[in-house]
Amino acid sequence: MGKVLKVIFRIEEFICSTFFITIIGLVFASAVFRYLKIPIQWSIDITQILFAWVAFLGADIALRNGKLLGVDILTRKFSDVIQYYLKLFCNVLIIVVLFIFIVYGFNLSISSWQRSFQTLPISYSFVTLSLPVGSIFMLMSSFTNIYKNHINRKSMKKEVV
């Protein structure tokens, strides 16, 4: 994996972690202030924006680490060759779906540009943009997973010979 991708992935993990911690802080602060009869109206909207980004960036992190997709209770009984082709098939299927998400996600973001939040003068596109951007990251991770899977298969072949 290239150094540039490693840096991009670390930045993505930092952003995801920061957004998740911010969500926890905002929800907690909102509950405390609501108890004190001082509601924070905008916290729900900010939390919604951050949650959408955390969901898709977190899905990419899980996909990259092999934690998103797997039913290994069945597949671990298969031979290495069958496991290799199943992983390849799943990654190709994921790539096809991600291309659809990217195309329609950008269209959705463009069409929701005029819509804004109730308490913030921010376009709702900041939420809908999380789908295509997260899908682009997942696309990079899927290609990386295919490459790693191929390298692992080559090394297994060398060990057998």
N, C-alpha and C. Protein backbone atom coordinates (compact mmCIF):
# COMPACT_ATOMS: atom_id res chain seq x y z
N MET A 1 0.86 -1.17 0.00
CA MET A 1 0.00 0.00 0.00
C MET A 1 0.90 1.23 0.00
N GLY A 2 0.57 2.20 -0.83
CA GLY A 2 1.39 3.38 -0.95
C GLY A 2 1.36 4.27 0.28
N LYS A 3 2.39 5.08 0.39
CA LYS A 3 2.48 5.99 1.53
C LYS A 3 1.36 7.01 1.51
N VAL A 4 0.97 7.44 0.32
CA VAL A 4 -0.11 8.43 0.20
C VAL A 4 -1.41 7.84 0.73
N LEU A 5 -1.71 6.60 0.36
CA LEU A 5 -2.94 5.96 0.86
C LEU A 5 -2.91 5.79 2.37
N LYS A 6 -1.74 5.44 2.91
CA LYS A 6 -1.64 5.29 4.37
C LYS A 6 -1.93 6.61 5.07
N VAL A 7 -1.43 7.71 4.52
CA VAL A 7 -1.68 9.03 5.11
C VAL A 7 -3.16 9.37 5.00
N ILE A 8 -3.75 9.11 3.83
CA ILE A 8 -5.18 9.39 3.64
C ILE A 8 -6.01 8.58 4.63
N PHE A 9 -5.66 7.31 4.79
CA PHE A 9 -6.42 6.45 5.70
C PHE A 9 -6.27 6.89 7.16
N ARG A 10 -5.08 7.35 7.53
CA ARG A 10 -4.89 7.84 8.91
C ARG A 10 -5.68 9.12 9.16
N ILE A 11 -5.70 10.00 8.18
CA ILE A 11 -6.49 11.23 8.29
C ILE A 11 -7.97 10.88 8.43
N GLU A 12 -8.41 9.92 7.62
CA GLU A 12 -9.80 9.47 7.69
C GLU A 12 -10.13 8.91 9.07
N GLU A 13 -9.26 8.10 9.63
CA GLU A 13 -9.49 7.54 10.97
C GLU A 13 -9.52 8.65 12.03
N PHE A 14 -8.65 9.64 11.89
CA PHE A 14 -8.64 10.76 12.83
C PHE A 14 -9.94 11.55 12.75
N ILE A 15 -10.39 11.84 11.53
CA ILE A 15 -11.64 12.59 11.35
C ILE A 15 -12.81 11.80 11.91
N CYS A 16 -12.86 10.52 11.62
CA CYS A 16 -13.96 9.68 12.11
C CYS A 16 -13.98 9.64 13.64
N SER A 17 -12.82 9.47 14.23
CA SER A 17 -12.72 9.44 15.71
C SER A 17 -13.13 10.77 16.31
N THR A 18 -12.66 11.85 15.71
CA THR A 18 -12.98 13.19 16.21
C THR A 18 -14.48 13.46 16.11
N PHE A 19 -15.07 13.11 14.98
CA PHE A 19 -16.51 13.31 14.82
C PHE A 19 -17.30 12.47 15.81
N PHE A 20 -16.86 11.23 16.04
CA PHE A 20 -17.57 10.36 16.97
C PHE A 20 -17.52 10.92 18.40
N ILE A 21 -16.36 11.37 18.81
CA ILE A 21 -16.22 11.97 20.14
C ILE A 21 -17.05 13.23 20.25
N THR A 22 -17.10 14.02 19.18
CA THR A 22 -17.91 15.24 19.17
C THR A 22 -19.39 14.91 19.29
N ILE A 23 -19.83 13.85 18.62
CA ILE A 23 -21.23 13.42 18.73
C ILE A 23 -21.56 13.08 20.18
N ILE A 24 -20.69 12.31 20.80
CA ILE A 24 -20.92 11.93 22.20
C ILE A 24 -20.99 13.17 23.09
N GLY A 25 -20.06 14.09 22.88
CA GLY A 25 -20.04 15.32 23.67
C GLY A 25 -21.28 16.16 23.45
N LEU A 26 -21.71 16.30 22.20
CA LEU A 26 -22.90 17.11 21.91
C LEU A 26 -24.17 16.50 22.48
N VAL A 27 -24.31 15.19 22.36
CA VAL A 27 -25.50 14.53 22.89
C VAL A 27 -25.53 14.65 24.42
N PHE A 28 -24.38 14.46 25.05
CA PHE A 28 -24.32 14.59 26.50
C PHE A 28 -24.62 16.02 26.94
N ALA A 29 -23.98 17.00 26.28
CA ALA A 29 -24.21 18.41 26.64
C ALA A 29 -25.66 18.80 26.40
N SER A 30 -26.23 18.31 25.31
CA SER A 30 -27.63 18.61 25.01
C SER A 30 -28.55 18.07 26.10
N ALA A 31 -28.26 16.86 26.57
CA ALA A 31 -29.09 16.27 27.63
C ALA A 31 -28.96 17.05 28.93
N VAL A 32 -27.74 17.43 29.26
CA VAL A 32 -27.52 18.19 30.50
C VAL A 32 -28.21 19.54 30.43
N PHE A 33 -28.04 20.25 29.32
CA PHE A 33 -28.65 21.58 29.20
C PHE A 33 -30.17 21.50 29.11
N ARG A 34 -30.68 20.44 28.50
CA ARG A 34 -32.14 20.27 28.46
C ARG A 34 -32.67 20.03 29.87
N TYR A 35 -31.93 19.28 30.68
CA TYR A 35 -32.31 19.06 32.07
C TYR A 35 -32.33 20.38 32.84
N LEU A 36 -31.40 21.26 32.49
CA LEU A 36 -31.34 22.58 33.12
C LEU A 36 -32.30 23.59 32.50
N LYS A 37 -33.16 23.11 31.61
CA LYS A 37 -34.16 23.93 30.91
C LYS A 37 -33.53 24.96 29.97
N ILE A 38 -32.35 24.62 29.42
CA ILE A 38 -31.68 25.47 28.43
C ILE A 38 -31.39 24.59 27.21
N PRO A 39 -32.38 24.37 26.36
CA PRO A 39 -32.15 23.47 25.22
C PRO A 39 -31.16 24.06 24.20
N ILE A 40 -30.35 23.17 23.65
CA ILE A 40 -29.42 23.56 22.59
C ILE A 40 -30.03 23.04 21.28
N GLN A 41 -30.72 23.92 20.57
CA GLN A 41 -31.47 23.52 19.39
C GLN A 41 -30.58 22.99 18.26
N TRP A 42 -29.45 23.60 18.05
CA TRP A 42 -28.59 23.27 16.91
C TRP A 42 -27.81 21.97 17.11
N SER A 43 -27.76 21.44 18.31
CA SER A 43 -26.95 20.24 18.56
C SER A 43 -27.46 19.03 17.78
N ILE A 44 -28.77 18.93 17.59
CA ILE A 44 -29.34 17.81 16.86
C ILE A 44 -28.90 17.86 15.40
N ASP A 45 -28.91 19.04 14.81
CA ASP A 45 -28.51 19.17 13.41
C ASP A 45 -27.03 18.88 13.22
N ILE A 46 -26.20 19.39 14.10
CA ILE A 46 -24.76 19.11 14.01
C ILE A 46 -24.50 17.62 14.20
N THR A 47 -25.19 17.01 15.16
CA THR A 47 -25.04 15.58 15.41
C THR A 47 -25.46 14.77 14.18
N GLN A 48 -26.52 15.20 13.51
CA GLN A 48 -26.98 14.50 12.31
C GLN A 48 -25.93 14.56 11.21
N ILE A 49 -25.33 15.72 11.00
CA ILE A 49 -24.27 15.87 9.99
C ILE A 49 -23.11 14.94 10.33
N LEU A 50 -22.64 15.01 11.57
CA LEU A 50 -21.48 14.22 11.97
C LEU A 50 -21.77 12.73 11.93
N PHE A 51 -22.99 12.34 12.31
CA PHE A 51 -23.34 10.92 12.32
C PHE A 51 -23.30 10.32 10.92
N ALA A 52 -23.80 11.07 9.94
CA ALA A 52 -23.77 10.57 8.56
C ALA A 52 -22.32 10.33 8.13
N TRP A 53 -21.44 11.27 8.46
CA TRP A 53 -20.03 11.12 8.07
C TRP A 53 -19.37 9.98 8.82
N VAL A 54 -19.66 9.84 10.12
CA VAL A 54 -19.08 8.75 10.91
C VAL A 54 -19.55 7.40 10.37
N ALA A 55 -20.80 7.32 9.97
CA ALA A 55 -21.33 6.04 9.46
C ALA A 55 -20.58 5.59 8.22
N PHE A 56 -20.39 6.48 7.27
CA PHE A 56 -19.74 6.07 6.02
C PHE A 56 -18.23 5.96 6.15
N LEU A 57 -17.61 6.86 6.89
CA LEU A 57 -16.16 6.74 7.09
C LEU A 57 -15.85 5.53 7.95
N GLY A 58 -16.69 5.27 8.95
CA GLY A 58 -16.51 4.08 9.79
C GLY A 58 -16.71 2.80 9.00
N ALA A 59 -17.65 2.81 8.06
CA ALA A 59 -17.86 1.64 7.21
C ALA A 59 -16.61 1.39 6.36
N ASP A 60 -15.98 2.47 5.90
CA ASP A 60 -14.76 2.29 5.12
C ASP A 60 -13.63 1.73 5.97
N ILE A 61 -13.49 2.22 7.18
CA ILE A 61 -12.44 1.73 8.07
C ILE A 61 -12.66 0.24 8.36
N ALA A 62 -13.92 -0.14 8.60
CA ALA A 62 -14.24 -1.56 8.85
C ALA A 62 -13.98 -2.39 7.60
N LEU A 63 -14.35 -1.88 6.43
CA LEU A 63 -14.11 -2.61 5.18
C LEU A 63 -12.62 -2.81 4.95
N ARG A 64 -11.84 -1.77 5.16
CA ARG A 64 -10.39 -1.85 4.93
C ARG A 64 -9.74 -2.86 5.87
N ASN A 65 -10.23 -2.96 7.10
CA ASN A 65 -9.66 -3.88 8.07
C ASN A 65 -10.30 -5.27 8.04
N GLY A 66 -11.18 -5.50 7.07
CA GLY A 66 -11.80 -6.81 6.93
C GLY A 66 -12.84 -7.12 7.98
N LYS A 67 -13.42 -6.10 8.59
CA LYS A 67 -14.39 -6.30 9.66
C LYS A 67 -15.83 -6.01 9.23
N LEU A 68 -16.02 -5.52 8.01
CA LEU A 68 -17.36 -5.14 7.59
C LEU A 68 -18.14 -6.32 7.02
N LEU A 69 -17.50 -7.08 6.18
CA LEU A 69 -18.20 -8.13 5.46
C LEU A 69 -17.56 -9.46 5.79
N GLY A 70 -18.35 -10.39 6.21
CA GLY A 70 -17.78 -11.70 6.45
C GLY A 70 -18.74 -12.65 7.13
N VAL A 71 -18.78 -13.84 6.60
CA VAL A 71 -19.52 -14.93 7.21
C VAL A 71 -18.53 -16.09 7.24
N ASP A 72 -17.50 -15.93 8.04
CA ASP A 72 -16.42 -16.91 7.98
C ASP A 72 -16.76 -18.23 8.66
N ILE A 73 -17.90 -18.31 9.31
CA ILE A 73 -18.30 -19.60 9.87
C ILE A 73 -18.50 -20.61 8.74
N LEU A 74 -18.90 -20.11 7.57
CA LEU A 74 -19.05 -20.98 6.40
C LEU A 74 -17.78 -21.02 5.56
N THR A 75 -17.22 -19.85 5.30
CA THR A 75 -16.13 -19.77 4.32
C THR A 75 -14.81 -20.34 4.83
N ARG A 76 -14.59 -20.37 6.11
CA ARG A 76 -13.30 -20.90 6.60
C ARG A 76 -13.17 -22.40 6.40
N LYS A 77 -14.29 -23.06 6.12
CA LYS A 77 -14.26 -24.50 5.83
C LYS A 77 -13.89 -24.77 4.37
N PHE A 78 -13.94 -23.73 3.54
CA PHE A 78 -13.60 -23.88 2.12
C PHE A 78 -12.09 -23.88 1.93
N SER A 79 -11.68 -24.35 0.77
CA SER A 79 -10.25 -24.33 0.44
C SER A 79 -9.78 -22.89 0.23
N ASP A 80 -8.47 -22.70 0.25
CA ASP A 80 -7.90 -21.36 0.07
C ASP A 80 -8.27 -20.78 -1.29
N VAL A 81 -8.33 -21.62 -2.31
CA VAL A 81 -8.67 -21.15 -3.66
C VAL A 81 -10.11 -20.63 -3.69
N ILE A 82 -11.02 -21.38 -3.11
CA ILE A 82 -12.42 -20.95 -3.08
C ILE A 82 -12.57 -19.68 -2.25
N GLN A 83 -11.88 -19.61 -1.12
CA GLN A 83 -11.93 -18.40 -0.29
C GLN A 83 -11.41 -17.19 -1.07
N TYR A 84 -10.34 -17.39 -1.83
CA TYR A 84 -9.77 -16.30 -2.64
C TYR A 84 -10.81 -15.78 -3.63
N TYR A 85 -11.47 -16.69 -4.36
CA TYR A 85 -12.44 -16.27 -5.36
C TYR A 85 -13.71 -15.70 -4.73
N LEU A 86 -14.10 -16.18 -3.57
CA LEU A 86 -15.25 -15.59 -2.87
C LEU A 86 -14.95 -14.16 -2.44
N LYS A 87 -13.74 -13.93 -1.90
CA LYS A 87 -13.34 -12.57 -1.52
C LYS A 87 -13.31 -11.67 -2.75
N LEU A 88 -12.78 -12.19 -3.84
CA LEU A 88 -12.71 -11.42 -5.08
C LEU A 88 -14.11 -11.07 -5.57
N PHE A 89 -15.00 -12.05 -5.57
CA PHE A 89 -16.39 -11.82 -6.00
C PHE A 89 -17.07 -10.77 -5.13
N CYS A 90 -16.92 -10.90 -3.81
CA CYS A 90 -17.55 -9.94 -2.89
C CYS A 90 -17.00 -8.53 -3.11
N ASN A 91 -15.69 -8.41 -3.29
CA ASN A 91 -15.11 -7.09 -3.52
C ASN A 91 -15.56 -6.48 -4.84
N VAL A 92 -15.68 -7.30 -5.88
CA VAL A 92 -16.17 -6.79 -7.16
C VAL A 92 -17.63 -6.35 -7.03
N LEU A 93 -18.43 -7.13 -6.32
CA LEU A 93 -19.82 -6.76 -6.09
C LEU A 93 -19.91 -5.45 -5.31
N ILE A 94 -19.08 -5.30 -4.29
CA ILE A 94 -19.04 -4.06 -3.51
C ILE A 94 -18.65 -2.89 -4.41
N ILE A 95 -17.69 -3.08 -5.30
CA ILE A 95 -17.24 -2.02 -6.19
C ILE A 95 -18.38 -1.57 -7.11
N VAL A 96 -19.15 -2.51 -7.63
CA VAL A 96 -20.29 -2.17 -8.50
C VAL A 96 -21.30 -1.32 -7.73
N VAL A 97 -21.64 -1.76 -6.52
CA VAL A 97 -22.60 -1.01 -5.69
C VAL A 97 -22.05 0.37 -5.34
N LEU A 98 -20.76 0.45 -5.06
CA LEU A 98 -20.16 1.74 -4.70
C LEU A 98 -20.20 2.72 -5.87
N PHE A 99 -20.00 2.23 -7.09
CA PHE A 99 -20.11 3.12 -8.26
C PHE A 99 -21.53 3.68 -8.35
N ILE A 100 -22.52 2.86 -8.08
CA ILE A 100 -23.91 3.34 -8.10
C ILE A 100 -24.11 4.38 -7.01
N PHE A 101 -23.59 4.11 -5.80
CA PHE A 101 -23.69 5.08 -4.71
C PHE A 101 -23.02 6.41 -5.06
N ILE A 102 -21.89 6.33 -5.71
CA ILE A 102 -21.16 7.56 -6.06
C ILE A 102 -21.97 8.40 -7.05
N VAL A 103 -22.45 7.76 -8.11
CA VAL A 103 -23.21 8.51 -9.13
C VAL A 103 -24.48 9.11 -8.53
N TYR A 104 -25.30 8.26 -7.92
CA TYR A 104 -26.56 8.74 -7.38
C TYR A 104 -26.36 9.62 -6.13
N GLY A 105 -25.29 9.38 -5.39
CA GLY A 105 -25.01 10.20 -4.21
C GLY A 105 -24.66 11.62 -4.57
N PHE A 106 -23.86 11.80 -5.60
CA PHE A 106 -23.55 13.16 -6.04
C PHE A 106 -24.80 13.84 -6.60
N ASN A 107 -25.62 13.10 -7.33
CA ASN A 107 -26.89 13.67 -7.82
C ASN A 107 -27.79 14.09 -6.66
N LEU A 108 -27.85 13.26 -5.63
CA LEU A 108 -28.64 13.59 -4.45
C LEU A 108 -28.10 14.83 -3.76
N SER A 109 -26.80 14.94 -3.66
CA SER A 109 -26.19 16.11 -3.02
C SER A 109 -26.48 17.39 -3.79
N ILE A 110 -26.43 17.29 -5.10
CA ILE A 110 -26.72 18.46 -5.94
C ILE A 110 -28.19 18.85 -5.80
N SER A 111 -29.07 17.86 -5.80
CA SER A 111 -30.50 18.17 -5.71
C SER A 111 -30.92 18.67 -4.33
N SER A 112 -30.15 18.36 -3.30
CA SER A 112 -30.53 18.81 -1.96
C SER A 112 -29.76 20.06 -1.53
N TRP A 113 -29.11 20.71 -2.47
CA TRP A 113 -28.32 21.90 -2.14
C TRP A 113 -29.18 23.03 -1.57
N GLN A 114 -30.39 23.19 -2.06
CA GLN A 114 -31.26 24.28 -1.60
C GLN A 114 -31.90 24.00 -0.24
N ARG A 115 -31.95 22.75 0.15
CA ARG A 115 -32.55 22.37 1.43
C ARG A 115 -31.58 22.72 2.55
N SER A 116 -32.10 23.26 3.64
CA SER A 116 -31.22 23.59 4.76
C SER A 116 -31.79 23.00 6.05
N PHE A 117 -30.99 23.05 7.08
CA PHE A 117 -31.41 22.54 8.38
C PHE A 117 -32.37 23.51 9.04
N GLN A 118 -33.08 23.03 10.06
CA GLN A 118 -34.04 23.87 10.75
C GLN A 118 -33.37 24.97 11.56
N THR A 119 -32.24 24.64 12.19
CA THR A 119 -31.64 25.61 13.11
C THR A 119 -30.32 26.17 12.60
N LEU A 120 -29.83 25.68 11.48
CA LEU A 120 -28.53 26.12 10.95
C LEU A 120 -28.68 26.60 9.52
N PRO A 121 -27.95 27.64 9.16
CA PRO A 121 -27.99 28.09 7.75
C PRO A 121 -27.00 27.30 6.89
N ILE A 122 -27.03 25.99 7.02
CA ILE A 122 -26.12 25.10 6.30
C ILE A 122 -26.95 24.22 5.37
N SER A 123 -26.43 23.98 4.17
CA SER A 123 -27.13 23.14 3.21
C SER A 123 -27.14 21.69 3.68
N TYR A 124 -28.24 21.01 3.39
CA TYR A 124 -28.38 19.60 3.73
C TYR A 124 -27.44 18.74 2.90
N SER A 125 -26.85 19.32 1.87
CA SER A 125 -25.90 18.59 1.04
C SER A 125 -24.69 18.12 1.83
N PHE A 126 -24.39 18.78 2.95
CA PHE A 126 -23.27 18.34 3.77
C PHE A 126 -23.54 16.97 4.38
N VAL A 127 -24.80 16.61 4.53
CA VAL A 127 -25.15 15.26 5.00
C VAL A 127 -25.13 14.29 3.84
N THR A 128 -25.80 14.65 2.74
CA THR A 128 -25.91 13.72 1.62
C THR A 128 -24.58 13.50 0.91
N LEU A 129 -23.66 14.44 1.05
CA LEU A 129 -22.34 14.29 0.43
C LEU A 129 -21.52 13.19 1.10
N SER A 130 -21.90 12.80 2.31
CA SER A 130 -21.18 11.74 3.01
C SER A 130 -21.28 10.40 2.27
N LEU A 131 -22.39 10.17 1.56
CA LEU A 131 -22.55 8.92 0.82
C LEU A 131 -21.54 8.78 -0.32
N PRO A 132 -21.47 9.73 -1.26
CA PRO A 132 -20.50 9.53 -2.34
C PRO A 132 -19.05 9.63 -1.89
N VAL A 133 -18.77 10.52 -0.94
CA VAL A 133 -17.38 10.64 -0.47
C VAL A 133 -16.97 9.37 0.27
N GLY A 134 -17.83 8.88 1.15
CA GLY A 134 -17.54 7.62 1.84
C GLY A 134 -17.41 6.46 0.87
N SER A 135 -18.22 6.49 -0.19
CA SER A 135 -18.14 5.43 -1.20
C SER A 135 -16.83 5.49 -1.97
N ILE A 136 -16.31 6.68 -2.20
CA ILE A 136 -15.01 6.81 -2.87
C ILE A 136 -13.92 6.20 -1.99
N PHE A 137 -13.98 6.49 -0.70
CA PHE A 137 -13.01 5.88 0.22
C PHE A 137 -13.16 4.37 0.24
N MET A 138 -14.41 3.88 0.27
CA MET A 138 -14.63 2.43 0.28
C MET A 138 -14.17 1.80 -1.04
N LEU A 139 -14.28 2.55 -2.13
CA LEU A 139 -13.80 2.07 -3.41
C LEU A 139 -12.28 1.87 -3.37
N MET A 140 -11.58 2.84 -2.81
CA MET A 140 -10.12 2.71 -2.66
C MET A 140 -9.78 1.51 -1.77
N SER A 141 -10.54 1.34 -0.69
CA SER A 141 -10.30 0.21 0.21
C SER A 141 -10.59 -1.11 -0.46
N SER A 142 -11.63 -1.17 -1.28
CA SER A 142 -11.95 -2.41 -1.98
C SER A 142 -10.85 -2.80 -2.95
N PHE A 143 -10.33 -1.82 -3.70
CA PHE A 143 -9.22 -2.12 -4.60
C PHE A 143 -7.98 -2.54 -3.82
N THR A 144 -7.75 -1.89 -2.67
CA THR A 144 -6.63 -2.27 -1.81
C THR A 144 -6.81 -3.69 -1.29
N ASN A 145 -8.04 -4.05 -0.90
CA ASN A 145 -8.31 -5.41 -0.42
C ASN A 145 -8.11 -6.45 -1.51
N ILE A 146 -8.51 -6.12 -2.73
CA ILE A 146 -8.28 -7.04 -3.84
C ILE A 146 -6.79 -7.23 -4.05
N TYR A 147 -6.03 -6.16 -4.01
CA TYR A 147 -4.58 -6.23 -4.19
C TYR A 147 -3.94 -7.08 -3.08
N LYS A 148 -4.33 -6.82 -1.82
CA LYS A 148 -3.79 -7.60 -0.69
C LYS A 148 -4.15 -9.07 -0.82
N ASN A 149 -5.38 -9.35 -1.21
CA ASN A 149 -5.84 -10.72 -1.38
C ASN A 149 -5.01 -11.42 -2.45
N HIS A 150 -4.72 -10.71 -3.54
CA HIS A 150 -3.93 -11.27 -4.63
C HIS A 150 -2.49 -11.53 -4.17
N ILE A 151 -1.90 -10.59 -3.43
CA ILE A 151 -0.54 -10.76 -2.92
C ILE A 151 -0.48 -11.94 -1.95
N ASN A 152 -1.48 -12.06 -1.07
CA ASN A 152 -1.52 -13.19 -0.13
C ASN A 152 -1.63 -14.52 -0.87
N ARG A 153 -2.38 -14.55 -1.95
CA ARG A 153 -2.52 -15.79 -2.73
C ARG A 153 -1.20 -16.15 -3.39
N LYS A 154 -0.50 -15.13 -3.91
CA LYS A 154 0.81 -15.40 -4.52
C LYS A 154 1.80 -15.96 -3.50
N SER A 155 1.79 -15.39 -2.28
CA SER A 155 2.71 -15.87 -1.25
C SER A 155 2.34 -17.28 -0.80
N MET A 156 1.05 -17.62 -0.81
CA MET A 156 0.64 -18.98 -0.46
C MET A 156 1.12 -19.97 -1.51
N LYS A 157 1.08 -19.56 -2.78
CA LYS A 157 1.54 -20.43 -3.86
C LYS A 157 3.04 -20.69 -3.71
N LYS A 158 3.80 -19.66 -3.34
CA LYS A 158 5.26 -19.82 -3.20
C LYS A 158 5.59 -20.78 -2.05
N GLU A 159 4.78 -20.72 -0.96
CA GLU A 159 5.03 -21.59 0.19
C GLU A 159 4.76 -23.05 -0.17
N VAL A 160 3.79 -23.29 -1.03
CA VAL A 160 3.46 -24.66 -1.42
C VAL A 160 4.55 -25.26 -2.28
N VAL A 161 5.13 -24.43 -3.16
CA VAL A 161 6.18 -24.91 -4.07
C VAL A 161 7.42 -25.09 -3.31
